[in-house]
């Protein structure tokens, strides 16, 4: 083996994408603090040294997991912003939350809500990652509703900021209920009930 080949090291003997998917499910089910390094490496099928080499620290891994969650199971939130009407946006978010939070093949609930609700000092960074994640989602939704208001797609009586907060609150509430065992059909009815509580009359 040449010197240059030795410096390159051995190729990784595991599927990085699959390992990240498995780590996401561990954090989703157990939260940041509840997921031990042993839980993570056992699920990922790798050693601790391999985990550190591929993903960095536990906090680094968690950040990557949140990105993956955003682009995967929670991607309905971004897609919803492209709906042509404010009501369509809200409906896509609420119904998307009901479906994504109750899939049989993944943990129930929302990683963004459950991941670090109650943590000690050692997990404050992870908690802040999710606080920022939720704030970003709220800002994006508020911006979309402000545009809808400017375009006459929302009645003047509806405050876009309050509406965004309301929709996000219901969406996260749906996820919490899913984590306690509520089924998709019932949560979809909750989504519809919440939509019926908003004045969309100018749409």
N, C-alpha and C. Protein backbone atom coordinates (compact mmCIF):
# COMPACT_ATOMS: atom_id res chain seq x y z
N UNK A 1 0.85 -1.20 0.00
CA UNK A 1 0.00 0.00 0.00
C UNK A 1 0.88 1.24 0.00
N UNK A 2 0.58 2.19 -0.87
CA UNK A 2 1.36 3.42 -0.94
C UNK A 2 1.03 4.32 0.24
N UNK A 3 1.92 5.32 0.49
CA UNK A 3 1.68 6.27 1.57
C UNK A 3 0.38 7.02 1.37
N UNK A 4 0.10 7.42 0.12
CA UNK A 4 -1.13 8.17 -0.17
C UNK A 4 -2.36 7.32 0.10
N UNK A 5 -2.27 6.02 -0.22
CA UNK A 5 -3.41 5.14 0.03
C UNK A 5 -3.65 4.96 1.53
N UNK A 6 -2.53 4.88 2.29
CA UNK A 6 -2.66 4.71 3.73
C UNK A 6 -3.32 5.91 4.37
N UNK A 7 -3.02 7.11 3.84
CA UNK A 7 -3.61 8.32 4.41
C UNK A 7 -5.10 8.39 4.17
N UNK A 8 -5.52 7.77 3.06
CA UNK A 8 -6.95 7.79 2.76
C UNK A 8 -7.73 6.95 3.77
N UNK A 9 -7.05 5.94 4.33
CA UNK A 9 -7.73 5.09 5.32
C UNK A 9 -8.66 4.10 4.64
N UNK A 10 -9.24 3.25 5.46
CA UNK A 10 -10.16 2.24 4.94
C UNK A 10 -11.50 2.87 4.61
N UNK A 11 -12.12 2.41 3.54
CA UNK A 11 -13.46 2.94 3.21
C UNK A 11 -14.46 2.55 4.28
N UNK A 12 -15.49 3.36 4.45
CA UNK A 12 -16.52 3.03 5.43
C UNK A 12 -17.23 1.75 5.03
N UNK A 13 -17.47 0.92 6.01
CA UNK A 13 -18.08 -0.37 5.74
C UNK A 13 -19.56 -0.38 6.12
N UNK A 14 -20.20 0.78 6.09
CA UNK A 14 -21.62 0.83 6.40
C UNK A 14 -22.29 1.90 5.53
N UNK A 15 -23.58 1.78 5.43
CA UNK A 15 -24.38 2.72 4.63
C UNK A 15 -24.67 3.95 5.50
N UNK A 16 -24.02 5.07 5.18
CA UNK A 16 -24.15 6.28 5.98
C UNK A 16 -25.61 6.75 6.01
N UNK A 17 -26.27 6.68 4.87
CA UNK A 17 -27.65 7.15 4.78
C UNK A 17 -28.57 6.30 5.65
N UNK A 18 -28.37 5.00 5.61
CA UNK A 18 -29.20 4.09 6.43
C UNK A 18 -28.91 4.30 7.91
N UNK A 19 -27.65 4.49 8.24
CA UNK A 19 -27.28 4.72 9.64
C UNK A 19 -27.94 5.99 10.17
N UNK A 20 -27.98 7.03 9.34
CA UNK A 20 -28.60 8.28 9.76
C UNK A 20 -30.10 8.12 9.92
N UNK A 21 -30.71 7.36 9.05
CA UNK A 21 -32.14 7.07 9.15
C UNK A 21 -32.46 6.36 10.47
N UNK A 22 -31.62 5.40 10.82
CA UNK A 22 -31.84 4.65 12.06
C UNK A 22 -31.62 5.53 13.29
N UNK A 23 -30.62 6.41 13.21
CA UNK A 23 -30.38 7.34 14.32
C UNK A 23 -31.57 8.27 14.49
N UNK A 24 -32.15 8.71 13.38
CA UNK A 24 -33.31 9.59 13.43
C UNK A 24 -34.45 8.91 14.19
N UNK A 25 -34.66 7.65 13.94
CA UNK A 25 -35.76 6.95 14.59
C UNK A 25 -35.51 6.78 16.09
N UNK A 26 -34.24 6.62 16.47
CA UNK A 26 -33.92 6.50 17.90
C UNK A 26 -34.19 7.83 18.60
N UNK A 27 -33.70 8.93 18.04
CA UNK A 27 -33.94 10.24 18.64
C UNK A 27 -35.43 10.56 18.65
N UNK A 28 -36.12 10.17 17.62
CA UNK A 28 -37.56 10.42 17.49
C UNK A 28 -38.32 9.69 18.59
N UNK A 29 -37.93 8.46 18.85
CA UNK A 29 -38.63 7.65 19.83
C UNK A 29 -38.24 7.99 21.27
N UNK A 30 -36.97 8.34 21.50
CA UNK A 30 -36.47 8.49 22.87
C UNK A 30 -36.10 9.92 23.26
N UNK A 31 -36.09 10.83 22.28
CA UNK A 31 -35.64 12.19 22.58
C UNK A 31 -34.13 12.24 22.61
N UNK A 32 -33.58 13.45 22.67
CA UNK A 32 -32.13 13.60 22.64
C UNK A 32 -31.47 12.97 23.86
N UNK A 33 -31.94 13.35 25.03
CA UNK A 33 -31.28 12.88 26.24
C UNK A 33 -31.56 11.41 26.51
N UNK A 34 -32.72 10.94 26.11
CA UNK A 34 -33.07 9.54 26.34
C UNK A 34 -32.33 8.58 25.42
N UNK A 35 -31.79 9.10 24.32
CA UNK A 35 -31.06 8.25 23.37
C UNK A 35 -29.60 8.17 23.79
N UNK A 36 -29.18 7.04 24.32
CA UNK A 36 -27.79 6.88 24.73
C UNK A 36 -26.92 6.57 23.51
N UNK A 37 -25.63 6.72 23.68
CA UNK A 37 -24.71 6.38 22.58
C UNK A 37 -24.83 4.91 22.22
N UNK A 38 -25.07 4.07 23.21
CA UNK A 38 -25.25 2.65 22.94
C UNK A 38 -26.51 2.41 22.13
N UNK A 39 -27.60 3.10 22.49
CA UNK A 39 -28.84 3.00 21.72
C UNK A 39 -28.58 3.36 20.25
N UNK A 40 -27.87 4.45 20.07
CA UNK A 40 -27.62 4.96 18.72
C UNK A 40 -26.74 4.03 17.92
N UNK A 41 -25.60 3.64 18.49
CA UNK A 41 -24.67 2.80 17.73
C UNK A 41 -25.25 1.40 17.48
N UNK A 42 -26.01 0.88 18.44
CA UNK A 42 -26.64 -0.43 18.22
C UNK A 42 -27.64 -0.35 17.06
N UNK A 43 -28.44 0.70 17.04
CA UNK A 43 -29.42 0.86 15.98
C UNK A 43 -28.75 1.10 14.63
N UNK A 44 -27.68 1.87 14.65
CA UNK A 44 -26.97 2.22 13.41
C UNK A 44 -26.10 1.08 12.91
N UNK A 45 -25.80 0.11 13.80
CA UNK A 45 -24.97 -1.02 13.42
C UNK A 45 -23.51 -0.67 13.26
N UNK A 46 -23.03 0.31 14.04
CA UNK A 46 -21.64 0.75 13.93
C UNK A 46 -21.04 0.93 15.32
N UNK A 47 -19.73 1.10 15.37
CA UNK A 47 -19.05 1.35 16.63
C UNK A 47 -19.08 2.85 16.94
N UNK A 48 -18.75 3.18 18.18
CA UNK A 48 -18.70 4.59 18.55
C UNK A 48 -17.66 5.35 17.74
N UNK A 49 -16.51 4.73 17.53
CA UNK A 49 -15.47 5.41 16.76
C UNK A 49 -15.93 5.68 15.34
N UNK A 50 -16.67 4.74 14.76
CA UNK A 50 -17.20 4.94 13.40
C UNK A 50 -18.24 6.05 13.39
N UNK A 51 -19.06 6.11 14.45
CA UNK A 51 -20.06 7.16 14.54
C UNK A 51 -19.41 8.54 14.61
N UNK A 52 -18.40 8.65 15.47
CA UNK A 52 -17.70 9.93 15.61
C UNK A 52 -17.02 10.32 14.30
N UNK A 53 -16.42 9.34 13.64
CA UNK A 53 -15.70 9.62 12.39
C UNK A 53 -16.65 10.08 11.29
N UNK A 54 -17.83 9.46 11.25
CA UNK A 54 -18.77 9.76 10.17
C UNK A 54 -19.66 10.96 10.45
N UNK A 55 -20.05 11.13 11.72
CA UNK A 55 -21.07 12.13 12.05
C UNK A 55 -20.64 13.17 13.07
N UNK A 56 -19.51 12.97 13.73
CA UNK A 56 -19.08 13.91 14.76
C UNK A 56 -19.66 13.52 16.11
N UNK A 57 -19.86 14.50 16.97
CA UNK A 57 -20.39 14.25 18.31
C UNK A 57 -21.87 13.89 18.26
N UNK A 58 -22.42 13.56 19.42
CA UNK A 58 -23.85 13.27 19.51
C UNK A 58 -24.65 14.49 19.08
N UNK A 59 -24.21 15.69 19.48
CA UNK A 59 -24.91 16.91 19.07
C UNK A 59 -24.85 17.09 17.56
N UNK A 60 -23.68 16.82 16.96
CA UNK A 60 -23.54 16.93 15.51
C UNK A 60 -24.47 15.95 14.81
N UNK A 61 -24.53 14.74 15.35
CA UNK A 61 -25.41 13.72 14.77
C UNK A 61 -26.86 14.17 14.87
N UNK A 62 -27.23 14.75 16.00
CA UNK A 62 -28.61 15.21 16.19
C UNK A 62 -28.97 16.29 15.18
N UNK A 63 -28.04 17.22 14.93
CA UNK A 63 -28.30 18.26 13.93
C UNK A 63 -28.56 17.65 12.56
N UNK A 64 -27.75 16.66 12.21
CA UNK A 64 -27.93 15.99 10.92
C UNK A 64 -29.27 15.26 10.87
N UNK A 65 -29.66 14.68 11.99
CA UNK A 65 -30.94 13.98 12.08
C UNK A 65 -32.10 14.95 11.89
N UNK A 66 -32.01 16.12 12.52
CA UNK A 66 -33.07 17.13 12.38
C UNK A 66 -33.19 17.57 10.92
N UNK A 67 -32.05 17.74 10.26
CA UNK A 67 -32.08 18.09 8.83
C UNK A 67 -32.76 16.99 8.02
N UNK A 68 -32.42 15.76 8.34
CA UNK A 68 -33.02 14.64 7.62
C UNK A 68 -34.53 14.57 7.88
N UNK A 69 -34.92 14.79 9.11
CA UNK A 69 -36.33 14.78 9.47
C UNK A 69 -37.09 15.87 8.72
N UNK A 70 -36.48 17.04 8.62
CA UNK A 70 -37.10 18.17 7.92
C UNK A 70 -37.30 17.86 6.44
N UNK A 71 -36.32 17.22 5.85
CA UNK A 71 -36.37 16.92 4.42
C UNK A 71 -37.18 15.65 4.12
N UNK A 72 -37.45 14.86 5.17
CA UNK A 72 -38.17 13.61 4.98
C UNK A 72 -39.55 13.62 5.60
N UNK A 73 -39.72 13.05 6.79
CA UNK A 73 -41.05 12.94 7.40
C UNK A 73 -41.78 14.27 7.58
N UNK A 74 -41.04 15.35 7.83
CA UNK A 74 -41.68 16.66 8.06
C UNK A 74 -41.72 17.54 6.81
N UNK A 75 -41.38 16.98 5.66
CA UNK A 75 -41.31 17.79 4.44
C UNK A 75 -42.68 18.31 4.00
N UNK A 76 -43.75 17.72 4.53
CA UNK A 76 -45.08 18.22 4.17
C UNK A 76 -45.23 19.69 4.53
N UNK A 77 -44.51 20.14 5.56
CA UNK A 77 -44.62 21.54 5.99
C UNK A 77 -44.13 22.51 4.93
N UNK A 78 -43.02 22.17 4.29
CA UNK A 78 -42.49 23.03 3.24
C UNK A 78 -43.34 22.95 1.98
N UNK A 79 -43.81 21.76 1.66
CA UNK A 79 -44.66 21.61 0.48
C UNK A 79 -45.95 22.39 0.65
N UNK A 80 -46.47 22.45 1.87
CA UNK A 80 -47.73 23.15 2.12
C UNK A 80 -47.65 24.62 1.76
N UNK A 81 -46.48 25.22 1.92
CA UNK A 81 -46.33 26.65 1.65
C UNK A 81 -46.56 27.00 0.18
N UNK A 82 -46.51 25.98 -0.68
CA UNK A 82 -46.72 26.20 -2.11
C UNK A 82 -48.18 26.09 -2.52
N UNK A 83 -49.04 25.75 -1.57
CA UNK A 83 -50.47 25.67 -1.89
C UNK A 83 -50.98 27.05 -2.33
N UNK A 84 -51.92 27.11 -3.27
CA UNK A 84 -52.35 28.40 -3.83
C UNK A 84 -53.17 29.28 -2.91
N UNK A 85 -53.79 28.72 -1.87
CA UNK A 85 -54.60 29.52 -0.96
C UNK A 85 -54.13 29.34 0.48
N UNK A 86 -54.45 30.31 1.31
CA UNK A 86 -54.09 30.23 2.73
C UNK A 86 -54.76 29.02 3.38
N UNK A 87 -56.01 28.80 3.03
CA UNK A 87 -56.70 27.63 3.60
C UNK A 87 -56.03 26.35 3.16
N UNK A 88 -55.61 26.30 1.91
CA UNK A 88 -54.91 25.12 1.42
C UNK A 88 -53.61 24.87 2.15
N UNK A 89 -52.90 25.95 2.46
CA UNK A 89 -51.66 25.85 3.23
C UNK A 89 -51.95 25.25 4.60
N UNK A 90 -52.92 25.82 5.29
CA UNK A 90 -53.27 25.36 6.64
C UNK A 90 -53.74 23.91 6.62
N UNK A 91 -54.56 23.58 5.65
CA UNK A 91 -55.08 22.21 5.56
C UNK A 91 -53.95 21.21 5.33
N UNK A 92 -53.02 21.56 4.46
CA UNK A 92 -51.90 20.66 4.17
C UNK A 92 -51.02 20.45 5.40
N UNK A 93 -50.84 21.50 6.17
CA UNK A 93 -50.01 21.38 7.38
C UNK A 93 -50.70 20.51 8.42
N UNK A 94 -51.97 20.79 8.70
CA UNK A 94 -52.66 20.06 9.76
C UNK A 94 -52.90 18.60 9.39
N UNK A 95 -53.35 18.37 8.18
CA UNK A 95 -53.58 16.99 7.76
C UNK A 95 -52.25 16.26 7.60
N UNK A 96 -51.23 16.99 7.16
CA UNK A 96 -49.90 16.39 7.04
C UNK A 96 -49.37 15.97 8.40
N UNK A 97 -49.61 16.80 9.40
CA UNK A 97 -49.17 16.47 10.76
C UNK A 97 -49.86 15.21 11.26
N UNK A 98 -51.15 15.09 10.97
CA UNK A 98 -51.90 13.91 11.40
C UNK A 98 -51.36 12.64 10.76
N UNK A 99 -51.05 12.72 9.48
CA UNK A 99 -50.55 11.54 8.77
C UNK A 99 -49.12 11.19 9.18
N UNK A 100 -48.25 12.21 9.19
CA UNK A 100 -46.83 11.97 9.50
C UNK A 100 -46.62 11.49 10.93
N UNK A 101 -47.51 11.89 11.83
CA UNK A 101 -47.34 11.55 13.25
C UNK A 101 -47.87 10.18 13.61
N UNK A 102 -48.54 9.52 12.68
CA UNK A 102 -49.18 8.25 13.01
C UNK A 102 -48.77 7.11 12.07
N UNK A 103 -47.74 7.30 11.30
CA UNK A 103 -47.32 6.24 10.38
C UNK A 103 -46.88 5.01 11.18
N UNK A 104 -47.29 3.83 10.77
CA UNK A 104 -46.94 2.62 11.54
C UNK A 104 -45.46 2.28 11.49
N UNK A 105 -44.77 2.74 10.45
CA UNK A 105 -43.36 2.36 10.31
C UNK A 105 -42.38 3.28 11.03
N UNK A 106 -42.89 4.35 11.64
CA UNK A 106 -42.03 5.28 12.38
C UNK A 106 -42.61 5.56 13.76
N UNK A 107 -41.80 6.10 14.68
CA UNK A 107 -42.36 6.46 16.00
C UNK A 107 -43.50 7.46 15.84
N UNK A 108 -44.47 7.40 16.71
CA UNK A 108 -45.59 8.34 16.64
C UNK A 108 -45.20 9.66 17.30
N UNK A 109 -45.87 10.72 16.86
CA UNK A 109 -45.54 12.04 17.37
C UNK A 109 -44.59 12.76 16.44
N UNK A 110 -43.98 13.82 16.94
CA UNK A 110 -43.11 14.68 16.13
C UNK A 110 -41.74 14.79 16.78
N UNK A 111 -40.71 14.50 16.03
CA UNK A 111 -39.34 14.64 16.54
C UNK A 111 -39.07 16.06 17.01
N UNK A 112 -39.61 17.04 16.28
CA UNK A 112 -39.37 18.43 16.61
C UNK A 112 -40.02 18.87 17.91
N UNK A 113 -41.03 18.14 18.36
CA UNK A 113 -41.69 18.45 19.62
C UNK A 113 -41.13 17.61 20.75
N UNK A 114 -40.98 16.32 20.51
CA UNK A 114 -40.60 15.38 21.55
C UNK A 114 -39.09 15.29 21.77
N UNK A 115 -38.30 15.72 20.80
CA UNK A 115 -36.88 15.49 20.84
C UNK A 115 -36.17 16.04 22.06
N UNK A 116 -36.60 17.21 22.54
CA UNK A 116 -35.91 17.82 23.69
C UNK A 116 -36.85 18.71 24.48
N UNK A 117 -38.01 18.19 24.83
CA UNK A 117 -38.96 18.98 25.61
C UNK A 117 -38.44 19.24 27.02
N UNK A 118 -37.88 18.24 27.64
CA UNK A 118 -37.40 18.38 29.01
C UNK A 118 -36.01 17.76 29.08
N UNK A 119 -34.99 18.61 29.22
CA UNK A 119 -33.62 18.12 29.18
C UNK A 119 -32.78 18.74 30.28
N UNK A 120 -31.68 18.09 30.60
CA UNK A 120 -30.74 18.63 31.56
C UNK A 120 -29.75 19.56 30.88
N UNK A 121 -28.78 20.03 31.64
CA UNK A 121 -27.81 20.98 31.11
C UNK A 121 -27.02 20.42 29.93
N UNK A 122 -26.82 19.11 29.93
CA UNK A 122 -26.02 18.50 28.87
C UNK A 122 -26.71 18.45 27.52
N UNK A 123 -27.99 18.77 27.48
CA UNK A 123 -28.73 18.69 26.22
C UNK A 123 -29.34 20.03 25.82
N UNK A 124 -28.86 21.11 26.41
CA UNK A 124 -29.43 22.42 26.11
C UNK A 124 -29.21 22.83 24.66
N UNK A 125 -28.08 22.43 24.09
CA UNK A 125 -27.82 22.75 22.68
C UNK A 125 -28.84 22.07 21.79
N UNK A 126 -29.13 20.81 22.07
CA UNK A 126 -30.12 20.07 21.28
C UNK A 126 -31.50 20.70 21.43
N UNK A 127 -31.81 21.13 22.64
CA UNK A 127 -33.09 21.79 22.87
C UNK A 127 -33.18 23.06 22.03
N UNK A 128 -32.09 23.83 21.98
CA UNK A 128 -32.10 25.07 21.21
C UNK A 128 -32.22 24.80 19.72
N UNK A 129 -31.63 23.70 19.26
CA UNK A 129 -31.75 23.32 17.85
C UNK A 129 -33.22 23.17 17.48
N UNK A 130 -34.00 22.54 18.36
CA UNK A 130 -35.41 22.32 18.07
C UNK A 130 -36.25 23.57 18.29
N UNK A 131 -35.87 24.41 19.24
CA UNK A 131 -36.55 25.69 19.42
C UNK A 131 -36.39 26.52 18.15
N UNK A 132 -35.18 26.57 17.63
CA UNK A 132 -34.92 27.32 16.39
C UNK A 132 -35.67 26.70 15.22
N UNK A 133 -35.74 25.38 15.21
CA UNK A 133 -36.44 24.66 14.14
C UNK A 133 -37.91 25.03 14.12
N UNK A 134 -38.53 25.06 15.29
CA UNK A 134 -39.95 25.40 15.37
C UNK A 134 -40.18 26.88 15.06
N UNK A 135 -39.27 27.75 15.52
CA UNK A 135 -39.39 29.17 15.22
C UNK A 135 -39.31 29.43 13.72
N UNK A 136 -38.38 28.75 13.07
CA UNK A 136 -38.21 28.92 11.63
C UNK A 136 -39.47 28.52 10.88
N UNK A 137 -40.08 27.41 11.30
CA UNK A 137 -41.33 26.97 10.67
C UNK A 137 -42.42 28.01 10.86
N UNK A 138 -42.50 28.58 12.07
CA UNK A 138 -43.52 29.59 12.34
C UNK A 138 -43.31 30.86 11.53
N UNK A 139 -42.06 31.27 11.37
CA UNK A 139 -41.75 32.47 10.59
C UNK A 139 -42.12 32.26 9.12
N UNK A 140 -41.81 31.09 8.59
CA UNK A 140 -42.13 30.80 7.20
C UNK A 140 -43.65 30.80 6.98
N UNK A 141 -44.38 30.24 7.94
CA UNK A 141 -45.83 30.19 7.80
C UNK A 141 -46.43 31.59 7.93
N UNK A 142 -45.93 32.37 8.88
CA UNK A 142 -46.42 33.73 9.03
C UNK A 142 -46.17 34.54 7.76
N UNK A 143 -45.00 34.39 7.17
CA UNK A 143 -44.68 35.10 5.93
C UNK A 143 -45.65 34.71 4.81
N UNK A 144 -45.99 33.42 4.76
CA UNK A 144 -46.92 32.95 3.72
C UNK A 144 -48.31 33.54 3.95
N UNK A 145 -48.76 33.61 5.19
CA UNK A 145 -50.07 34.18 5.47
C UNK A 145 -50.08 35.70 5.28
N UNK A 146 -48.97 36.36 5.54
CA UNK A 146 -48.88 37.80 5.26
C UNK A 146 -49.05 38.05 3.77
N UNK A 147 -48.43 37.20 2.97
CA UNK A 147 -48.60 37.32 1.52
C UNK A 147 -50.04 37.10 1.12
N UNK A 148 -50.66 36.08 1.74
CA UNK A 148 -52.06 35.80 1.44
C UNK A 148 -52.94 36.98 1.80
N UNK A 149 -52.63 37.63 2.91
CA UNK A 149 -53.41 38.80 3.33
C UNK A 149 -53.24 39.93 2.34
N UNK A 150 -52.01 40.16 1.89
CA UNK A 150 -51.73 41.24 0.94
C UNK A 150 -52.41 40.98 -0.40
N UNK A 151 -52.57 39.71 -0.74
CA UNK A 151 -53.19 39.35 -2.01
C UNK A 151 -54.71 39.27 -1.92
N UNK A 152 -55.25 39.54 -0.73
CA UNK A 152 -56.70 39.47 -0.55
C UNK A 152 -57.22 38.06 -0.39
N UNK A 153 -56.32 37.13 -0.06
CA UNK A 153 -56.70 35.74 0.11
C UNK A 153 -57.14 35.43 1.54
N UNK A 154 -56.98 36.41 2.43
CA UNK A 154 -57.46 36.29 3.81
C UNK A 154 -58.32 37.51 4.14
N UNK A 155 -59.38 37.33 4.89
CA UNK A 155 -60.20 38.47 5.31
C UNK A 155 -59.36 39.43 6.15
N UNK A 156 -59.69 40.71 6.11
CA UNK A 156 -58.96 41.70 6.90
C UNK A 156 -59.07 41.43 8.39
N UNK A 157 -60.11 40.73 8.79
CA UNK A 157 -60.31 40.43 10.22
C UNK A 157 -59.34 39.38 10.75
N UNK A 158 -58.65 38.70 9.86
CA UNK A 158 -57.74 37.63 10.27
C UNK A 158 -56.32 38.17 10.36
N UNK A 159 -55.72 38.05 11.53
CA UNK A 159 -54.33 38.48 11.74
C UNK A 159 -53.41 37.35 11.29
N UNK A 160 -52.59 37.57 10.26
CA UNK A 160 -51.73 36.50 9.74
C UNK A 160 -50.80 35.90 10.79
N UNK A 161 -50.29 36.75 11.68
CA UNK A 161 -49.37 36.24 12.71
C UNK A 161 -50.10 35.33 13.69
N UNK A 162 -51.26 35.75 14.13
CA UNK A 162 -52.05 34.94 15.05
C UNK A 162 -52.48 33.64 14.37
N UNK A 163 -52.86 33.74 13.11
CA UNK A 163 -53.28 32.55 12.37
C UNK A 163 -52.12 31.55 12.26
N UNK A 164 -50.93 32.05 11.98
CA UNK A 164 -49.75 31.16 11.89
C UNK A 164 -49.50 30.47 13.22
N UNK A 165 -49.60 31.22 14.31
CA UNK A 165 -49.39 30.64 15.63
C UNK A 165 -50.46 29.60 15.94
N UNK A 166 -51.68 29.90 15.57
CA UNK A 166 -52.80 28.97 15.80
C UNK A 166 -52.57 27.66 15.05
N UNK A 167 -52.23 27.76 13.77
CA UNK A 167 -52.04 26.55 12.96
C UNK A 167 -50.87 25.73 13.49
N UNK A 168 -49.78 26.39 13.85
CA UNK A 168 -48.63 25.66 14.38
C UNK A 168 -48.97 25.00 15.72
N UNK A 169 -49.74 25.71 16.54
CA UNK A 169 -50.14 25.16 17.84
C UNK A 169 -50.99 23.91 17.67
N UNK A 170 -51.93 23.96 16.77
CA UNK A 170 -52.79 22.80 16.52
C UNK A 170 -51.97 21.65 15.93
N UNK A 171 -51.07 21.97 15.01
CA UNK A 171 -50.25 20.93 14.37
C UNK A 171 -49.39 20.20 15.41
N UNK A 172 -48.77 20.96 16.30
CA UNK A 172 -47.95 20.33 17.34
C UNK A 172 -48.83 19.57 18.33
N UNK A 173 -50.02 20.10 18.59
CA UNK A 173 -50.96 19.40 19.46
C UNK A 173 -51.39 18.06 18.87
N UNK A 174 -51.59 18.05 17.57
CA UNK A 174 -51.92 16.80 16.88
C UNK A 174 -50.80 15.79 17.07
N UNK A 175 -49.56 16.26 16.95
CA UNK A 175 -48.41 15.36 17.11
C UNK A 175 -48.33 14.80 18.53
N UNK A 176 -48.62 15.65 19.52
CA UNK A 176 -48.60 15.18 20.90
C UNK A 176 -49.68 14.13 21.13
N UNK A 177 -50.85 14.36 20.57
CA UNK A 177 -51.94 13.39 20.71
C UNK A 177 -51.59 12.08 20.01
N UNK A 178 -50.90 12.18 18.88
CA UNK A 178 -50.47 10.97 18.17
C UNK A 178 -49.52 10.16 19.04
N UNK A 179 -48.64 10.86 19.76
CA UNK A 179 -47.68 10.17 20.63
C UNK A 179 -48.36 9.45 21.78
N UNK A 180 -49.57 9.90 22.12
CA UNK A 180 -50.30 9.25 23.22
C UNK A 180 -51.20 8.13 22.71
N UNK A 181 -51.21 7.91 21.39
CA UNK A 181 -51.95 6.78 20.86
C UNK A 181 -53.16 7.11 20.01
N UNK A 182 -53.45 8.39 19.81
CA UNK A 182 -54.59 8.74 18.95
C UNK A 182 -54.31 8.30 17.52
N UNK A 183 -55.34 7.85 16.83
CA UNK A 183 -55.16 7.33 15.48
C UNK A 183 -55.34 8.41 14.42
N UNK A 184 -54.85 8.11 13.24
CA UNK A 184 -54.86 9.07 12.14
C UNK A 184 -56.25 9.60 11.83
N UNK A 185 -57.25 8.72 11.75
CA UNK A 185 -58.59 9.14 11.37
C UNK A 185 -59.14 10.18 12.33
N UNK A 186 -58.94 9.96 13.62
CA UNK A 186 -59.44 10.91 14.61
C UNK A 186 -58.70 12.24 14.51
N UNK A 187 -57.41 12.19 14.30
CA UNK A 187 -56.61 13.41 14.21
C UNK A 187 -56.91 14.19 12.93
N UNK A 188 -57.27 13.49 11.88
CA UNK A 188 -57.70 14.19 10.66
C UNK A 188 -58.99 14.95 10.91
N UNK A 189 -59.86 14.37 11.72
CA UNK A 189 -61.10 15.08 12.07
C UNK A 189 -60.79 16.31 12.92
N UNK A 190 -59.80 16.20 13.79
CA UNK A 190 -59.37 17.35 14.58
C UNK A 190 -58.85 18.45 13.65
N UNK A 191 -58.07 18.08 12.66
CA UNK A 191 -57.56 19.05 11.69
C UNK A 191 -58.71 19.76 10.99
N UNK A 192 -59.68 19.00 10.55
CA UNK A 192 -60.83 19.59 9.86
C UNK A 192 -61.61 20.53 10.78
N UNK A 193 -61.76 20.13 12.05
CA UNK A 193 -62.47 20.96 13.01
C UNK A 193 -61.73 22.28 13.22
N UNK A 194 -60.41 22.22 13.29
CA UNK A 194 -59.61 23.43 13.47
C UNK A 194 -59.75 24.35 12.27
N UNK A 195 -59.77 23.78 11.08
CA UNK A 195 -59.92 24.59 9.86
C UNK A 195 -61.29 25.26 9.83
N UNK A 196 -62.29 24.55 10.30
CA UNK A 196 -63.65 25.12 10.32
C UNK A 196 -63.76 26.27 11.30
N UNK A 197 -62.82 26.38 12.23
CA UNK A 197 -62.87 27.47 13.21
C UNK A 197 -62.26 28.78 12.73
N UNK A 198 -61.78 28.80 11.51
CA UNK A 198 -61.17 30.01 10.95
C UNK A 198 -62.07 30.60 9.88
N UNK A 199 -62.14 31.91 9.84
CA UNK A 199 -62.94 32.61 8.82
C UNK A 199 -62.12 32.71 7.54
N UNK A 200 -62.45 31.82 6.57
CA UNK A 200 -61.77 31.86 5.28
C UNK A 200 -62.70 32.47 4.22
N UNK A 201 -63.67 33.24 4.65
CA UNK A 201 -64.79 33.63 3.78
C UNK A 201 -64.38 34.38 2.53
N UNK A 202 -63.23 35.06 2.54
CA UNK A 202 -62.84 35.80 1.35
C UNK A 202 -62.06 34.95 0.36
N UNK A 203 -61.82 33.66 0.69
CA UNK A 203 -61.06 32.80 -0.21
C UNK A 203 -61.92 32.38 -1.40
